[in-house]
Amino acid sequence: MPEPEVFNWIPREGMETTRKPSVITVKFGDGYEQRRAGGLNADLKTFKPVFRVTDEYSRAALDSFLSRHAGIRAFLWCPPKHNRTVRVVCREWSISDNAMYTDFNCTFEEVTH
């Protein structure tokens, strides 16, 4: 399997990161419940970065990268303020064109393969 591509664009400040651990819960009588992690990788993150580009070449390159991976192929990315590279997929993004720049609002989901 080929090594995933590296995503090199830098997001704008204020990126949202969401964590929703996968938990399996079994409920018993009298309010008692038992919880356990829902797998080996039960705490994967979701990132919502915004990328601003100011020229047509950068816009085309970023759109091409996301389209080429099409929410199927994972790529490597180092989120700001995280000291490690993560493997993510982008299943959804929107593009906002303005007079002087274009914003890409993305959702990156951490994956393990």
C-alpha atoms as a PDB file:
ATOM      1  CA  MET A   1       0.000   0.000   0.000  1.00  0.00           C
ATOM      2  CA  PRO A   2       1.513   3.378  -0.955  1.00  0.00           C
ATOM      3  CA  GLU A   3       2.382   5.897   1.732  1.00  0.00           C
ATOM      4  CA  PRO A   4      -0.342   8.571   2.146  1.00  0.00           C
ATOM      5  CA  GLU A   5       0.243  12.076   0.824  1.00  0.00           C
ATOM      6  CA  VAL A   6       1.080  14.903   3.218  1.00  0.00           C
ATOM      7  CA  PHE A   7      -1.327  17.846   3.532  1.00  0.00           C
ATOM      8  CA  ASN A   8       0.798  21.020   3.810  1.00  0.00           C
ATOM      9  CA  TRP A   9      -1.709  23.892   4.011  1.00  0.00           C
ATOM     10  CA  ILE A  10      -1.872  25.824   7.294  1.00  0.00           C
ATOM     11  CA  PRO A  11      -5.318  26.586   8.759  1.00  0.00           C
ATOM     12  CA  ARG A  12      -6.510  29.907  10.125  1.00  0.00           C
ATOM     13  CA  GLU A  13      -6.460  30.516  13.873  1.00  0.00           C
ATOM     14  CA  GLY A  14      -9.358  29.209  15.927  1.00  0.00           C
ATOM     15  CA  MET A  15      -9.686  25.647  14.655  1.00  0.00           C
ATOM     16  CA  GLU A  16     -12.290  23.559  16.467  1.00  0.00           C
ATOM     17  CA  THR A  17     -11.284  20.077  17.659  1.00  0.00           C
ATOM     18  CA  THR A  18     -13.926  17.601  18.826  1.00  0.00           C
ATOM     19  CA  ARG A  19     -13.443  14.433  20.834  1.00  0.00           C
ATOM     20  CA  LYS A  20     -16.233  11.908  21.289  1.00  0.00           C
ATOM     21  CA  PRO A  21     -14.875   8.684  22.775  1.00  0.00           C
ATOM     22  CA  SER A  22     -16.599   5.515  21.600  1.00  0.00           C
ATOM     23  CA  VAL A  23     -18.055   3.897  24.721  1.00  0.00           C
ATOM     24  CA  ILE A  24     -20.079   0.695  25.016  1.00  0.00           C
ATOM     25  CA  THR A  25     -22.500   0.871  27.943  1.00  0.00           C
ATOM     26  CA  VAL A  26     -24.502  -1.947  29.513  1.00  0.00           C
ATOM     27  CA  LYS A  27     -27.265  -0.803  31.874  1.00  0.00           C
ATOM     28  CA  PHE A  28     -28.415  -2.988  34.750  1.00  0.00           C
ATOM     29  CA  GLY A  29     -31.154  -2.457  37.315  1.00  0.00           C
ATOM     30  CA  ASP A  30     -31.132   0.227  40.023  1.00  0.00           C
ATOM     31  CA  GLY A  31     -29.161   2.688  37.859  1.00  0.00           C
ATOM     32  CA  TYR A  32     -26.023   0.548  37.741  1.00  0.00           C
ATOM     33  CA  GLU A  33     -24.144   0.586  34.449  1.00  0.00           C
ATOM     34  CA  GLN A  34     -20.904  -0.791  33.123  1.00  0.00           C
ATOM     35  CA  ARG A  35     -18.819   1.071  30.531  1.00  0.00           C
ATOM     36  CA  ARG A  36     -15.879   0.111  28.350  1.00  0.00           C
ATOM     37  CA  ALA A  37     -14.003   1.546  25.407  1.00  0.00           C
ATOM     38  CA  GLY A  38     -15.596   0.763  22.058  1.00  0.00           C
ATOM     39  CA  GLY A  39     -12.470  -0.661  20.439  1.00  0.00           C
ATOM     40  CA  LEU A  40      -8.727  -0.183  20.338  1.00  0.00           C
ATOM     41  CA  ASN A  41      -8.942   3.352  18.918  1.00  0.00           C
ATOM     42  CA  ALA A  42     -11.920   4.645  20.839  1.00  0.00           C
ATOM     43  CA  ASP A  43     -10.884   8.301  21.133  1.00  0.00           C
ATOM     44  CA  LEU A  44     -10.253   9.627  17.628  1.00  0.00           C
ATOM     45  CA  LYS A  45     -10.534  13.373  17.014  1.00  0.00           C
ATOM     46  CA  THR A  46     -12.477  15.449  14.505  1.00  0.00           C
ATOM     47  CA  PHE A  47     -10.919  18.726  13.349  1.00  0.00           C
ATOM     48  CA  LYS A  48     -12.710  21.644  11.673  1.00  0.00           C
ATOM     49  CA  PRO A  49      -9.976  23.752  10.070  1.00  0.00           C
ATOM     50  CA  VAL A  50     -10.540  26.720   7.761  1.00  0.00           C
ATOM     51  CA  PHE A  51      -7.968  27.309   5.039  1.00  0.00           C
ATOM     52  CA  ARG A  52      -7.757  30.719   3.357  1.00  0.00           C
ATOM     53  CA  VAL A  53      -6.095  31.024  -0.045  1.00  0.00           C
ATOM     54  CA  THR A  54      -5.579  34.272  -1.925  1.00  0.00           C
ATOM     55  CA  ASP A  55      -4.725  33.182  -5.447  1.00  0.00           C
ATOM     56  CA  GLU A  56      -6.284  31.005  -8.126  1.00  0.00           C
ATOM     57  CA  TYR A  57      -3.357  28.560  -8.234  1.00  0.00           C
ATOM     58  CA  SER A  58      -3.619  27.795  -4.478  1.00  0.00           C
ATOM     59  CA  ARG A  59      -7.392  27.487  -4.741  1.00  0.00           C
ATOM     60  CA  ALA A  60      -7.098  24.958  -7.571  1.00  0.00           C
ATOM     61  CA  ALA A  61      -4.334  23.011  -5.794  1.00  0.00           C
ATOM     62  CA  LEU A  62      -6.267  22.709  -2.524  1.00  0.00           C
ATOM     63  CA  ASP A  63      -9.519  21.798  -4.258  1.00  0.00           C
ATOM     64  CA  SER A  64      -7.662  19.219  -6.359  1.00  0.00           C
ATOM     65  CA  PHE A  65      -6.035  17.654  -3.286  1.00  0.00           C
ATOM     66  CA  LEU A  66      -9.354  17.264  -1.453  1.00  0.00           C
ATOM     67  CA  SER A  67     -11.175  16.028  -4.563  1.00  0.00           C
ATOM     68  CA  ARG A  68      -8.433  13.524  -5.361  1.00  0.00           C
ATOM     69  CA  HIS A  69      -8.787  11.964  -1.898  1.00  0.00           C
ATOM     70  CA  ALA A  70     -12.608  12.134  -2.178  1.00  0.00           C
ATOM     71  CA  GLY A  71     -13.282  11.282   1.453  1.00  0.00           C
ATOM     72  CA  ILE A  72     -11.918   7.789   0.793  1.00  0.00           C
ATOM     73  CA  ARG A  73      -8.131   8.030   0.838  1.00  0.00           C
ATOM     74  CA  ALA A  74      -6.457   9.124   4.057  1.00  0.00           C
ATOM     75  CA  PHE A  75      -3.662  11.687   4.147  1.00  0.00           C
ATOM     76  CA  LEU A  76      -1.170  12.860   6.760  1.00  0.00           C
ATOM     77  CA  TRP A  77      -1.606  16.204   8.519  1.00  0.00           C
ATOM     78  CA  CYS A  78      -0.017  17.928  11.509  1.00  0.00           C
ATOM     79  CA  PRO A  79      -2.712  20.005  13.257  1.00  0.00           C
ATOM     80  CA  PRO A  80      -1.625  23.275  14.893  1.00  0.00           C
ATOM     81  CA  LYS A  81      -0.635  22.926  18.563  1.00  0.00           C
ATOM     82  CA  HIS A  82      -0.446  19.126  18.215  1.00  0.00           C
ATOM     83  CA  ASN A  83       3.028  17.684  18.276  1.00  0.00           C
ATOM     84  CA  ARG A  84       2.337  14.737  16.019  1.00  0.00           C
ATOM     85  CA  THR A  85       1.159  13.973  12.535  1.00  0.00           C
ATOM     86  CA  VAL A  86      -2.249  12.307  12.281  1.00  0.00           C
ATOM     87  CA  ARG A  87      -3.881  10.302   9.520  1.00  0.00           C
ATOM     88  CA  VAL A  88      -7.181  11.899   8.479  1.00  0.00           C
ATOM     89  CA  VAL A  89      -9.891  11.781   5.840  1.00  0.00           C
ATOM     90  CA  CYS A  90     -11.920  14.756   4.635  1.00  0.00           C
ATOM     91  CA  ARG A  91     -15.422  13.582   3.745  1.00  0.00           C
ATOM     92  CA  GLU A  92     -16.872  17.081   3.653  1.00  0.00           C
ATOM     93  CA  TRP A  93     -15.698  20.592   2.781  1.00  0.00           C
ATOM     94  CA  SER A  94     -17.282  23.806   1.587  1.00  0.00           C
ATOM     95  CA  ILE A  95     -15.783  26.622  -0.449  1.00  0.00           C
ATOM     96  CA  SER A  96     -16.601  30.301   0.113  1.00  0.00           C
ATOM     97  CA  ASP A  97     -15.357  32.554  -2.689  1.00  0.00           C
ATOM     98  CA  ASN A  98     -14.853  36.230  -1.846  1.00  0.00           C
ATOM     99  CA  ALA A  99     -13.396  39.090  -3.868  1.00  0.00           C
ATOM    100  CA  MET A 100      -9.876  38.843  -2.386  1.00  0.00           C
ATOM    101  CA  TYR A 101      -9.678  35.273  -1.037  1.00  0.00           C
ATOM    102  CA  THR A 102     -11.303  31.844  -0.874  1.00  0.00           C
ATOM    103  CA  ASP A 103     -12.046  29.962   2.350  1.00  0.00           C
ATOM    104  CA  PHE A 104     -12.184  26.171   2.527  1.00  0.00           C
ATOM    105  CA  ASN A 105     -14.171  24.981   5.561  1.00  0.00           C
ATOM    106  CA  CYS A 106     -13.171  21.364   6.117  1.00  0.00           C
ATOM    107  CA  THR A 107     -13.977  18.489   8.434  1.00  0.00           C
ATOM    108  CA  PHE A 108     -10.987  16.205   9.029  1.00  0.00           C
ATOM    109  CA  GLU A 109     -11.707  12.921  10.791  1.00  0.00           C
ATOM    110  CA  GLU A 110      -8.811  11.054  12.373  1.00  0.00           C
ATOM    111  CA  VAL A 111      -8.513   7.453  11.167  1.00  0.00           C
ATOM    112  CA  THR A 112      -6.122   4.614  11.902  1.00  0.00           C
ATOM    113  CA  HIS A 113      -5.555   3.257   8.386  1.00  0.00           C
END
